[in-house]
Amino acid sequence: MTSRIRAALLGTVAVAAVGAGVLAFEPARAPFVASATAQGAITAPNSFADVVERVKPAVVSVRVTQAAPQAMNYRELPGMDEDENGQMERFMRRFGEQFRNDPRFGGPGGPGMPGGPRGPGGQRGMSQGSGFFNSADGFIVTNNPVVRGATEADIVLDSGRTVKAKVVGTDPRTDLALLKAEGTDFPFVRFAASAPRIGDWVLAVGNPFGLGGTVTAGIVSARGRDIGSGPYDDFIQIDAAVNRGNSGGPTFNANGEVIGVNTAIFSPSGGNVGIAFAIPSETTKTVIAALREGGTVERGWIGVQIQAITPEIAEGLKLPKPEGALVAGVQAGSPAASSELKPSDVIVAVDGQPVKDARELSRRIAAVRPGTTVRLTVIRDGAERAFPLTLGRLPGDQASAQQPGRRAPRGEMAPETAPAAPRLGMSVEPAGRGEGMVVTEVDPSGPAAQRGIRPGDVILDVAGRSVSSLRDVREALTAARADGRRSALIRLRSGEGQRFVAIPLNPS
């Protein structure tokens, strides 16, 4: 049976911390000095024991009792089949037998089990994960799934002592949460001042599968990973062994500084296969500071729909290379609607800092406080221009789907009477009220279907020209071909919002 890769959230158990008295871990100047042979080869450190002894007391176990049992915290990637899901379930059940009699993990006397506390309806569950003290006064960083739906938590130190903590705030968009433990003078660790390099040593500390405090070592495998978990994905990939229970725990560099917060793994079985992900400290510092200040994170907002730029789209826009963020639509009443931005603009810089792609633009804008004025640099019609835009506050999800208007006689694009225009394999009709052309039928083997165009999509413009009739569409396609373009950009509106697709212009 072929197993496909799966992304798993890591919410189970944590590693504990010891200590009374303030103990702030300052990075050693050179905790591990790799030796060089006469041939110049670099050897690995002899031991990580020194740095582990310094940082381990700041890492804690976070336990949350919930009103109802929570589903297993893992996320499937598209394409997982039923047999593979069953494989994951069997793996977890088989492994769980080892802890079935332990009340801390749901055994007799534990939450939701005989002799244990129960909530309304007789159901209770427990979520457990890792965390770490980020200040002497008891602020603890962890993952949002570890404390989801809770207001309080138990923090277990390495000494076995348990302290109460309250949930200060959570940020589901980055999967981070901040707790405040009762008491002061806790040992804590600091965030790294600079980002790690690919190949740097890392240590992951946590409590995988409830086995107890565990330290694993590896290297930074990659940076800037997008695993499809959200709009701000920018993960550090490491190969240190990370499993369920490491969620919320820290990833340290060789100086004992936190470079990331463990959050997810890729695995065909639920166990470690050497691919784990951590939220980088740059993101964590910003989010935690906002949560500590006000309990929530306010993000900047432009009010545009953006999409990645493919080589085909870049050619259609006459861009020198497929970089930047393409504005597919502008939301009414948004900051963008009051600015000079318009669909088909390509945002290439914010405040003079280059924007490589749509994901980078999302992260860059989200990191700026609402009310701040930024300077956007865009490419429009092959020319670069810049203008200011004052950011709004990121709202909740809003419905953006619009229904097509009245029906009218349909037409196939393009008819035999227009041989210069390509056949696109779809039928269209006016959407009404001058709002474009609605797609009524799509040939499954035609160019339109191959690019994701579906019945019900509304064509707003073709090659930069607004369209409200078949004649408009034909003329726009013919003009694009006469201009020497190999493809034409079509802007569509569907239930998911607006987007551009590039249609080839070579006749069929």
Protein backbone atom coordinates (compact mmCIF):
# COMPACT_ATOMS: atom_id res chain seq x y z
CA MET A 1 0.00 0.00 0.00
CA THR A 2 1.34 3.38 -0.92
CA SER A 3 1.45 5.83 2.00
CA ARG A 4 1.18 9.50 1.29
CA ILE A 5 2.76 12.15 3.42
CA ARG A 6 0.65 13.66 6.16
CA ALA A 7 1.03 16.82 8.23
CA ALA A 8 0.44 16.12 11.92
CA LEU A 9 -0.05 18.66 14.68
CA LEU A 10 1.92 17.68 17.73
CA GLY A 11 -0.47 18.11 20.67
CA THR A 12 0.12 15.50 23.39
CA VAL A 13 2.58 15.74 26.26
CA ALA A 14 5.38 18.03 27.36
CA VAL A 15 8.81 18.05 28.94
CA ALA A 16 8.93 19.45 32.45
CA ALA A 17 11.06 22.10 34.08
CA VAL A 18 12.80 22.41 37.43
CA GLY A 19 13.83 25.16 39.52
CA ALA A 20 13.24 27.77 42.07
CA GLY A 21 14.95 31.08 41.71
CA VAL A 22 15.50 33.19 38.66
CA LEU A 23 17.67 31.53 36.10
CA ALA A 24 17.96 33.36 32.80
CA PHE A 25 19.96 31.39 30.33
CA GLU A 26 22.48 33.61 28.64
CA PRO A 27 23.97 32.10 25.49
CA ALA A 28 27.42 30.74 25.93
CA ARG A 29 29.94 32.31 23.63
CA ALA A 30 31.21 29.00 22.35
CA PRO A 31 29.49 26.02 24.01
CA PHE A 32 30.60 23.66 21.30
CA VAL A 33 33.70 24.28 19.26
CA ALA A 34 33.85 21.92 16.34
CA SER A 35 37.35 20.70 15.69
CA ALA A 36 39.03 20.74 12.29
CA THR A 37 41.25 17.98 11.05
CA ALA A 38 44.43 18.55 9.13
CA GLN A 39 42.43 18.00 5.96
CA GLY A 40 39.92 20.70 6.97
CA ALA A 41 36.99 18.38 7.75
CA ILE A 42 34.71 19.64 10.55
CA THR A 43 33.69 17.18 13.27
CA ALA A 44 30.45 17.21 15.29
CA PRO A 45 30.29 18.44 18.93
CA ASN A 46 31.38 15.89 21.51
CA SER A 47 28.29 16.49 23.65
CA PHE A 48 25.20 18.69 24.01
CA ALA A 49 25.01 18.04 27.75
CA ASP A 50 26.10 21.52 28.85
CA VAL A 51 23.47 23.39 26.88
CA VAL A 52 20.77 20.87 27.83
CA GLU A 53 21.52 21.33 31.53
CA ARG A 54 21.15 25.08 31.13
CA VAL A 55 17.91 25.19 29.11
CA LYS A 56 15.92 22.17 30.27
CA PRO A 57 14.62 23.75 33.52
CA ALA A 58 12.73 26.36 31.47
CA VAL A 59 10.78 23.77 29.46
CA VAL A 60 7.48 22.68 30.99
CA SER A 61 4.54 20.33 30.53
CA VAL A 62 1.19 21.99 29.80
CA ARG A 63 -1.92 20.04 30.78
CA VAL A 64 -5.44 21.23 30.01
CA THR A 65 -8.66 19.49 31.07
CA GLN A 66 -11.45 20.09 28.58
CA ALA A 67 -15.21 19.75 28.82
CA ALA A 68 -15.22 17.10 26.10
CA PRO A 69 -12.55 14.86 24.57
CA GLN A 70 -10.75 16.52 21.70
CA ALA A 71 -10.18 14.87 18.37
CA MET A 72 -6.61 13.80 17.65
CA ASN A 73 -4.60 16.80 16.62
CA TYR A 74 -3.41 16.01 13.16
CA ARG A 75 -4.12 17.46 9.79
CA GLU A 76 -4.31 15.42 6.58
CA LEU A 77 -2.89 16.58 3.31
CA PRO A 78 -5.11 16.33 0.23
CA GLY A 79 -5.14 12.86 -1.27
CA MET A 80 -5.12 10.79 1.92
CA ASP A 81 -7.25 7.68 1.49
CA GLU A 82 -9.26 5.75 4.03
CA ASP A 83 -6.72 2.95 4.44
CA GLU A 84 -3.96 5.42 5.28
CA ASN A 85 -6.18 7.20 7.82
CA GLY A 86 -6.87 3.83 9.39
CA GLN A 87 -3.14 3.14 9.55
CA MET A 88 -2.66 6.31 11.59
CA GLU A 89 -5.50 5.43 13.96
CA ARG A 90 -4.14 1.90 14.51
CA PHE A 91 -0.67 3.26 15.19
CA MET A 92 -1.93 5.66 17.86
CA ARG A 93 -4.16 3.05 19.52
CA ARG A 94 -1.36 0.50 19.62
CA PHE A 95 1.11 2.97 21.10
CA GLY A 96 -1.47 4.25 23.58
CA GLU A 97 -1.72 0.83 25.28
CA GLN A 98 1.52 1.61 27.12
CA PHE A 99 -0.11 4.54 28.90
CA ARG A 100 -3.64 3.26 29.35
CA ASN A 101 -3.19 2.70 33.09
CA ASP A 102 -1.57 6.08 33.71
CA PRO A 103 -4.14 8.61 35.04
CA ARG A 104 -2.10 11.46 33.58
CA PHE A 105 -2.83 10.13 30.09
CA GLY A 106 -6.45 9.06 30.43
CA GLY A 107 -6.09 5.93 32.60
CA PRO A 108 -8.20 5.03 35.67
CA GLY A 109 -8.60 8.07 37.87
CA GLY A 110 -7.72 10.37 35.03
CA PRO A 111 -9.99 12.79 33.20
CA GLY A 112 -12.80 11.06 31.34
CA MET A 113 -11.99 7.64 32.88
CA PRO A 114 -13.51 5.70 35.82
CA GLY A 115 -12.74 7.53 39.02
CA GLY A 116 -11.70 10.69 37.19
CA PRO A 117 -13.38 14.07 36.87
CA ARG A 118 -16.14 14.41 34.33
CA GLY A 119 -17.81 17.37 32.73
CA PRO A 120 -21.38 17.96 31.58
CA GLY A 121 -22.77 14.82 30.04
CA GLY A 122 -20.07 12.71 31.70
CA GLN A 123 -17.43 13.54 29.10
CA ARG A 124 -14.05 15.08 29.74
CA GLY A 125 -10.80 15.09 27.83
CA MET A 126 -7.23 16.17 28.33
CA SER A 127 -4.90 18.01 26.01
CA GLN A 128 -1.20 17.94 26.80
CA GLY A 129 1.76 19.58 25.18
CA SER A 130 5.02 21.36 25.78
CA GLY A 131 5.84 24.95 26.54
CA PHE A 132 8.65 27.11 27.87
CA PHE A 133 9.12 30.08 30.18
CA ASN A 134 10.03 33.22 28.28
CA SER A 135 10.30 35.48 31.34
CA ALA A 136 11.02 35.17 35.06
CA ASP A 137 7.51 36.35 35.96
CA GLY A 138 5.90 33.24 34.53
CA PHE A 139 4.89 33.90 30.91
CA ILE A 140 4.86 30.62 28.98
CA VAL A 141 4.90 30.14 25.22
CA THR A 142 3.07 27.15 23.76
CA ASN A 143 0.89 26.12 20.79
CA ASN A 144 -2.73 27.15 20.37
CA PRO A 145 -4.00 23.55 19.88
CA VAL A 146 -2.57 22.59 23.28
CA VAL A 147 -4.88 25.04 25.10
CA ARG A 148 -7.72 25.33 22.58
CA GLY A 149 -11.03 26.01 24.30
CA ALA A 150 -9.49 26.41 27.76
CA THR A 151 -9.00 29.36 30.10
CA GLU A 152 -6.73 27.64 32.62
CA ALA A 153 -3.97 25.04 32.54
CA ASP A 154 -1.72 23.07 34.86
CA ILE A 155 2.01 23.59 34.39
CA VAL A 156 4.17 20.70 35.54
CA LEU A 157 7.79 21.48 36.38
CA ASP A 158 10.65 19.00 36.15
CA SER A 159 10.64 18.71 39.94
CA GLY A 160 7.09 17.36 39.74
CA ARG A 161 5.60 20.53 41.22
CA THR A 162 2.42 21.73 39.54
CA VAL A 163 1.43 25.38 39.24
CA LYS A 164 -1.73 26.91 37.85
CA ALA A 165 -1.68 29.10 34.79
CA LYS A 166 -4.21 31.22 32.92
CA VAL A 167 -4.48 31.57 29.17
CA VAL A 168 -3.48 35.15 28.35
CA GLY A 169 -4.28 34.90 24.65
CA THR A 170 -4.13 32.71 21.57
CA ASP A 171 -3.46 33.30 17.89
CA PRO A 172 -4.93 30.53 15.71
CA ARG A 173 -3.45 32.06 12.55
CA THR A 174 0.07 31.22 13.71
CA ASP A 175 -0.87 28.42 16.15
CA LEU A 176 0.72 30.22 19.11
CA ALA A 177 -0.58 30.80 22.64
CA LEU A 178 0.63 32.62 25.75
CA LEU A 179 0.03 31.50 29.35
CA LYS A 180 0.79 33.17 32.70
CA ALA A 181 1.78 30.89 35.59
CA GLU A 182 1.12 31.76 39.20
CA GLY A 183 4.31 32.85 40.93
CA THR A 184 7.60 34.47 40.00
CA ASP A 185 11.31 33.70 39.79
CA PHE A 186 10.97 31.04 37.12
CA PRO A 187 13.93 29.95 34.99
CA PHE A 188 13.50 31.15 31.43
CA VAL A 189 15.11 31.12 28.02
CA ARG A 190 15.52 33.85 25.42
CA PHE A 191 14.73 34.03 21.73
CA ALA A 192 17.65 34.03 19.33
CA ALA A 193 18.61 37.45 18.02
CA SER A 194 19.26 36.18 14.50
CA ALA A 195 17.79 33.54 12.22
CA PRO A 196 19.55 30.19 11.94
CA ARG A 197 21.37 29.10 8.81
CA ILE A 198 20.65 25.91 6.93
CA GLY A 199 23.00 23.31 8.40
CA ASP A 200 23.16 24.83 11.92
CA TRP A 201 22.83 22.45 14.87
CA VAL A 202 19.48 22.44 16.72
CA LEU A 203 18.07 20.77 19.83
CA ALA A 204 14.36 19.96 20.25
CA VAL A 205 13.07 19.51 23.81
CA GLY A 206 9.73 17.89 24.57
CA ASN A 207 7.83 14.86 25.83
CA PRO A 208 6.96 12.69 22.80
CA PHE A 209 4.14 10.18 23.32
CA GLY A 210 4.33 10.74 27.09
CA LEU A 211 7.71 9.06 27.41
CA GLY A 212 9.15 11.75 29.65
CA GLY A 213 11.58 14.62 29.10
CA THR A 214 13.32 14.02 25.80
CA VAL A 215 16.05 15.92 23.99
CA THR A 216 16.83 15.29 20.34
CA ALA A 217 19.46 16.84 18.08
CA GLY A 218 19.67 17.58 14.38
CA ILE A 219 20.24 20.41 11.97
CA VAL A 220 18.22 23.09 10.21
CA SER A 221 17.15 21.35 6.99
CA ALA A 222 15.42 24.28 5.29
CA ARG A 223 13.80 27.65 5.93
CA GLY A 224 10.72 29.43 4.65
CA ARG A 225 8.66 26.25 4.29
CA ASP A 226 4.97 26.51 3.30
CA ILE A 227 3.07 23.42 4.50
CA GLY A 228 -0.40 24.75 3.71
CA SER A 229 -1.44 25.36 7.31
CA GLY A 230 -2.24 29.05 6.92
CA PRO A 231 -1.59 32.32 5.10
CA TYR A 232 1.54 33.11 7.12
CA ASP A 233 3.46 29.84 6.73
CA ASP A 234 7.19 30.46 7.07
CA PHE A 235 8.42 27.42 8.94
CA ILE A 236 11.89 26.24 9.85
CA GLN A 237 12.35 22.61 8.82
CA ILE A 238 14.54 20.51 11.11
CA ASP A 239 15.55 16.85 11.17
CA ALA A 240 15.76 16.51 14.97
CA ALA A 241 13.28 13.83 16.08
CA VAL A 242 9.97 15.53 16.87
CA ASN A 243 6.75 13.64 17.62
CA ARG A 244 3.35 14.12 19.19
CA GLY A 245 3.88 15.76 22.55
CA ASN A 246 6.61 18.11 21.31
CA SER A 247 3.95 20.64 20.29
CA GLY A 248 4.71 24.01 21.84
CA GLY A 249 8.18 22.97 22.91
CA PRO A 250 11.26 24.97 21.93
CA THR A 251 13.89 24.34 19.31
CA PHE A 252 17.26 25.66 20.51
CA ASN A 253 20.42 26.58 18.71
CA ALA A 254 23.78 25.43 20.05
CA ASN A 255 23.96 28.55 22.26
CA GLY A 256 20.75 27.66 24.10
CA GLU A 257 18.65 30.33 22.38
CA VAL A 258 15.14 29.58 21.09
CA ILE A 259 15.05 29.66 17.30
CA GLY A 260 11.55 28.22 16.93
CA VAL A 261 8.46 26.61 18.48
CA ASN A 262 7.79 23.01 17.44
CA THR A 263 4.41 22.74 15.75
CA ALA A 264 4.07 20.05 13.06
CA ILE A 265 5.58 17.01 11.40
CA PHE A 266 5.27 15.30 8.02
CA SER A 267 4.78 11.60 8.49
CA PRO A 268 3.14 8.60 6.78
CA SER A 269 2.64 6.87 10.14
CA GLY A 270 2.33 9.50 12.84
CA GLY A 271 5.91 8.91 13.98
CA ASN A 272 9.05 10.87 13.26
CA VAL A 273 10.60 10.48 9.82
CA GLY A 274 13.09 13.32 10.12
CA ILE A 275 10.87 16.13 8.81
CA ALA A 276 9.58 18.51 11.48
CA PHE A 277 8.61 22.16 11.47
CA ALA A 278 9.01 25.01 13.93
CA ILE A 279 7.49 28.50 13.98
CA PRO A 280 10.50 30.81 13.66
CA SER A 281 11.45 33.02 16.60
CA GLU A 282 11.01 36.17 14.50
CA THR A 283 7.30 35.38 14.13
CA THR A 284 6.94 34.11 17.69
CA LYS A 285 8.45 37.24 19.26
CA THR A 286 6.02 39.53 17.42
CA VAL A 287 2.94 37.44 18.22
CA ILE A 288 3.85 36.85 21.87
CA ALA A 289 4.54 40.56 22.42
CA ALA A 290 1.08 41.39 21.05
CA LEU A 291 -0.62 38.71 23.17
CA ARG A 292 1.17 39.91 26.29
CA GLU A 293 0.14 43.50 25.62
CA GLY A 294 -3.52 42.99 24.78
CA GLY A 295 -4.41 39.29 24.60
CA THR A 296 -4.99 39.43 20.84
CA VAL A 297 -3.01 40.04 17.67
CA GLU A 298 -4.09 42.89 15.40
CA ARG A 299 -2.84 42.59 11.85
CA GLY A 300 -2.57 45.07 9.05
CA TRP A 301 -4.96 44.70 6.12
CA ILE A 302 -4.96 46.01 2.56
CA GLY A 303 -8.20 44.48 1.29
CA VAL A 304 -7.07 42.77 -1.90
CA GLN A 305 -7.13 39.25 -3.22
CA ILE A 306 -3.66 38.22 -4.32
CA GLN A 307 -2.24 35.23 -6.15
CA ALA A 308 1.07 33.76 -7.13
CA ILE A 309 2.63 34.69 -10.45
CA THR A 310 3.35 31.77 -12.75
CA PRO A 311 5.67 32.05 -15.77
CA GLU A 312 2.57 32.15 -18.00
CA ILE A 313 1.05 34.99 -16.02
CA ALA A 314 4.36 36.85 -15.99
CA GLU A 315 4.49 36.60 -19.78
CA GLY A 316 0.92 37.84 -20.06
CA LEU A 317 1.76 40.86 -17.89
CA LYS A 318 5.09 41.44 -19.64
CA LEU A 319 7.02 41.03 -16.39
CA PRO A 320 10.77 40.36 -16.55
CA LYS A 321 10.43 37.44 -14.09
CA PRO A 322 7.61 35.72 -12.15
CA GLU A 323 8.04 37.58 -8.87
CA GLY A 324 5.78 39.77 -6.76
CA ALA A 325 2.12 39.45 -5.73
CA LEU A 326 -0.60 39.83 -8.36
CA VAL A 327 -3.68 41.79 -7.27
CA ALA A 328 -6.63 39.71 -8.48
CA GLY A 329 -9.36 41.80 -6.89
CA VAL A 330 -9.97 44.82 -4.66
CA GLN A 331 -12.56 44.56 -1.88
CA ALA A 332 -15.16 47.30 -1.68
CA GLY A 333 -14.75 49.54 1.37
CA SER A 334 -11.20 48.35 2.00
CA PRO A 335 -8.05 50.48 2.30
CA ALA A 336 -7.09 49.32 -1.20
CA ALA A 337 -10.37 50.62 -2.61
CA SER A 338 -9.43 54.10 -1.37
CA SER A 339 -5.96 53.88 -2.84
CA GLU A 340 -4.51 53.69 -6.34
CA LEU A 341 -4.37 49.89 -6.35
CA LYS A 342 -6.34 48.06 -9.01
CA PRO A 343 -6.63 44.50 -10.37
CA SER A 344 -3.67 43.31 -12.46
CA ASP A 345 -1.22 45.44 -10.45
CA VAL A 346 1.81 43.47 -9.28
CA ILE A 347 3.06 44.49 -5.83
CA VAL A 348 6.85 44.15 -5.86
CA ALA A 349 7.90 46.04 -2.70
CA VAL A 350 6.63 47.34 0.64
CA ASP A 351 8.47 50.35 2.10
CA GLY A 352 11.30 49.65 -0.31
CA GLN A 353 11.72 46.02 0.75
CA PRO A 354 11.29 43.59 -2.18
CA VAL A 355 8.30 41.23 -2.17
CA LYS A 356 9.20 37.87 -3.68
CA ASP A 357 5.73 36.31 -3.80
CA ALA A 358 2.16 36.50 -2.52
CA ARG A 359 2.98 34.67 0.74
CA GLU A 360 5.71 37.15 1.57
CA LEU A 361 3.34 40.06 0.98
CA SER A 362 0.76 38.51 3.35
CA ARG A 363 3.34 38.09 6.10
CA ARG A 364 4.82 41.53 5.57
CA ILE A 365 1.47 43.34 5.77
CA ALA A 366 0.20 41.23 8.68
CA ALA A 367 3.25 42.19 10.73
CA VAL A 368 2.41 45.91 10.50
CA ARG A 369 0.00 47.54 12.93
CA PRO A 370 -3.33 48.78 11.59
CA GLY A 371 -3.31 52.51 10.96
CA THR A 372 0.28 52.49 9.72
CA THR A 373 0.93 54.01 6.31
CA VAL A 374 3.14 51.92 4.04
CA ARG A 375 4.52 52.70 0.61
CA LEU A 376 3.66 50.12 -2.03
CA THR A 377 5.66 49.71 -5.21
CA VAL A 378 3.72 48.13 -8.08
CA ILE A 379 4.24 47.28 -11.73
CA ARG A 380 1.35 48.35 -13.94
CA ASP A 381 1.35 48.11 -17.73
CA GLY A 382 5.07 47.40 -17.64
CA ALA A 383 5.91 50.55 -15.67
CA GLU A 384 6.87 50.82 -12.00
CA ARG A 385 5.10 53.28 -9.70
CA ALA A 386 4.83 53.82 -5.93
CA PHE A 387 2.13 55.29 -3.69
CA PRO A 388 1.14 55.32 0.01
CA LEU A 389 -1.58 53.18 1.56
CA THR A 390 -2.84 53.28 5.17
CA LEU A 391 -3.51 49.80 6.50
CA GLY A 392 -6.79 48.79 8.07
CA ARG A 393 -7.45 46.09 10.66
CA LEU A 394 -7.73 42.54 9.34
CA PRO A 395 -11.44 41.61 9.59
CA GLY A 396 -13.01 38.19 9.92
CA ASP A 397 -13.81 36.07 6.93
CA GLN A 398 -16.32 37.75 4.69
CA ALA A 399 -18.48 36.24 2.01
CA SER A 400 -17.28 37.45 -1.34
CA ALA A 401 -19.27 35.29 -3.70
CA GLN A 402 -21.63 37.10 -6.03
CA GLN A 403 -24.34 35.57 -8.09
CA PRO A 404 -24.42 36.02 -11.87
CA GLY A 405 -27.25 38.10 -13.28
CA ARG A 406 -29.96 37.36 -15.80
CA ARG A 407 -29.57 34.73 -18.46
CA ALA A 408 -29.06 35.63 -22.12
CA PRO A 409 -28.33 33.74 -25.31
CA ARG A 410 -25.10 31.83 -24.83
CA GLY A 411 -22.13 31.67 -27.17
CA GLU A 412 -19.10 29.43 -27.62
CA MET A 413 -15.68 31.09 -27.37
CA ALA A 414 -14.71 31.62 -30.07
CA PRO A 415 -17.17 31.04 -32.94
CA GLU A 416 -16.17 30.10 -36.47
CA THR A 417 -16.83 33.70 -37.53
CA ALA A 418 -13.74 34.79 -35.58
CA PRO A 419 -10.95 32.47 -36.79
CA ALA A 420 -8.18 34.71 -35.42
CA ALA A 421 -9.33 34.09 -31.84
CA PRO A 422 -8.52 30.77 -30.14
CA ARG A 423 -11.07 28.20 -29.09
CA LEU A 424 -11.08 28.08 -25.29
CA GLY A 425 -13.45 25.18 -24.77
CA MET A 426 -16.20 26.99 -22.89
CA SER A 427 -19.57 28.61 -23.49
CA VAL A 428 -20.41 32.00 -22.00
CA GLU A 429 -23.30 34.43 -21.76
CA PRO A 430 -23.67 37.98 -20.41
CA ALA A 431 -23.85 38.02 -16.63
CA GLY A 432 -26.15 41.05 -16.61
CA ARG A 433 -25.75 44.60 -15.30
CA GLY A 434 -22.52 44.90 -17.24
CA GLU A 435 -20.72 42.59 -14.78
CA GLY A 436 -18.90 40.40 -17.28
CA MET A 437 -19.62 37.07 -18.91
CA VAL A 438 -20.72 34.00 -16.95
CA VAL A 439 -19.31 30.60 -17.96
CA THR A 440 -22.18 28.19 -18.64
CA GLU A 441 -20.39 25.12 -20.00
CA VAL A 442 -16.80 23.89 -20.05
CA ASP A 443 -15.28 21.26 -22.34
CA PRO A 444 -13.46 18.83 -19.95
CA SER A 445 -10.62 18.44 -22.45
CA GLY A 446 -10.32 22.11 -23.44
CA PRO A 447 -7.82 24.80 -22.36
CA ALA A 448 -10.34 26.41 -20.00
CA ALA A 449 -10.92 23.22 -17.99
CA GLN A 450 -7.18 22.55 -17.82
CA ARG A 451 -6.76 25.88 -16.05
CA GLY A 452 -9.50 25.37 -13.52
CA ILE A 453 -12.29 27.40 -15.13
CA ARG A 454 -15.69 26.04 -14.11
CA PRO A 455 -19.34 26.70 -14.96
CA GLY A 456 -20.59 29.60 -12.87
CA ASP A 457 -17.30 31.51 -13.00
CA VAL A 458 -17.72 35.08 -14.20
CA ILE A 459 -15.18 36.53 -16.64
CA LEU A 460 -14.59 40.15 -15.60
CA ASP A 461 -11.92 41.15 -18.07
CA VAL A 462 -9.73 39.64 -20.76
CA ALA A 463 -6.18 40.86 -21.42
CA GLY A 464 -6.89 43.94 -19.31
CA ARG A 465 -10.16 44.83 -21.10
CA SER A 466 -13.54 44.75 -19.37
CA VAL A 467 -16.02 42.48 -21.15
CA SER A 468 -19.81 42.36 -21.19
CA SER A 469 -20.46 40.65 -24.52
CA LEU A 470 -19.04 37.98 -26.82
CA ARG A 471 -17.80 40.70 -29.11
CA ASP A 472 -15.76 42.23 -26.25
CA VAL A 473 -14.16 38.87 -25.52
CA ARG A 474 -13.28 38.16 -29.14
CA GLU A 475 -11.78 41.59 -29.65
CA ALA A 476 -9.69 41.36 -26.48
CA LEU A 477 -8.30 37.93 -27.41
CA THR A 478 -7.60 38.97 -30.98
CA ALA A 479 -5.83 42.15 -29.84
CA ALA A 480 -3.69 40.19 -27.38
CA ARG A 481 -2.61 37.81 -30.11
CA ALA A 482 -1.90 40.65 -32.52
CA ASP A 483 0.28 42.19 -29.81
CA GLY A 484 2.51 39.12 -29.98
CA ARG A 485 1.41 37.57 -26.69
CA ARG A 486 1.49 33.82 -26.32
CA SER A 487 -1.19 33.88 -23.60
CA ALA A 488 -3.94 36.20 -22.40
CA LEU A 489 -4.86 36.85 -18.78
CA ILE A 490 -8.52 36.33 -17.89
CA ARG A 491 -9.76 37.70 -14.57
CA LEU A 492 -12.46 35.52 -13.03
CA ARG A 493 -14.85 35.87 -10.12
CA SER A 494 -16.10 32.74 -8.38
CA GLY A 495 -17.28 31.67 -4.94
CA GLU A 496 -13.64 31.72 -3.78
CA GLY A 497 -13.13 35.33 -4.85
CA GLN A 498 -11.25 36.68 -7.85
CA ARG A 499 -8.23 35.25 -9.64
CA PHE A 500 -6.31 35.39 -12.90
CA VAL A 501 -5.73 32.52 -15.29
CA ALA A 502 -3.48 32.54 -18.35
CA ILE A 503 -5.05 31.10 -21.51
CA PRO A 504 -2.80 30.12 -24.46
CA LEU A 505 -3.48 32.06 -27.65
CA ASN A 506 -2.23 29.57 -30.22
CA PRO A 507 -5.31 28.48 -32.19
CA SER A 508 -6.66 24.96 -31.81
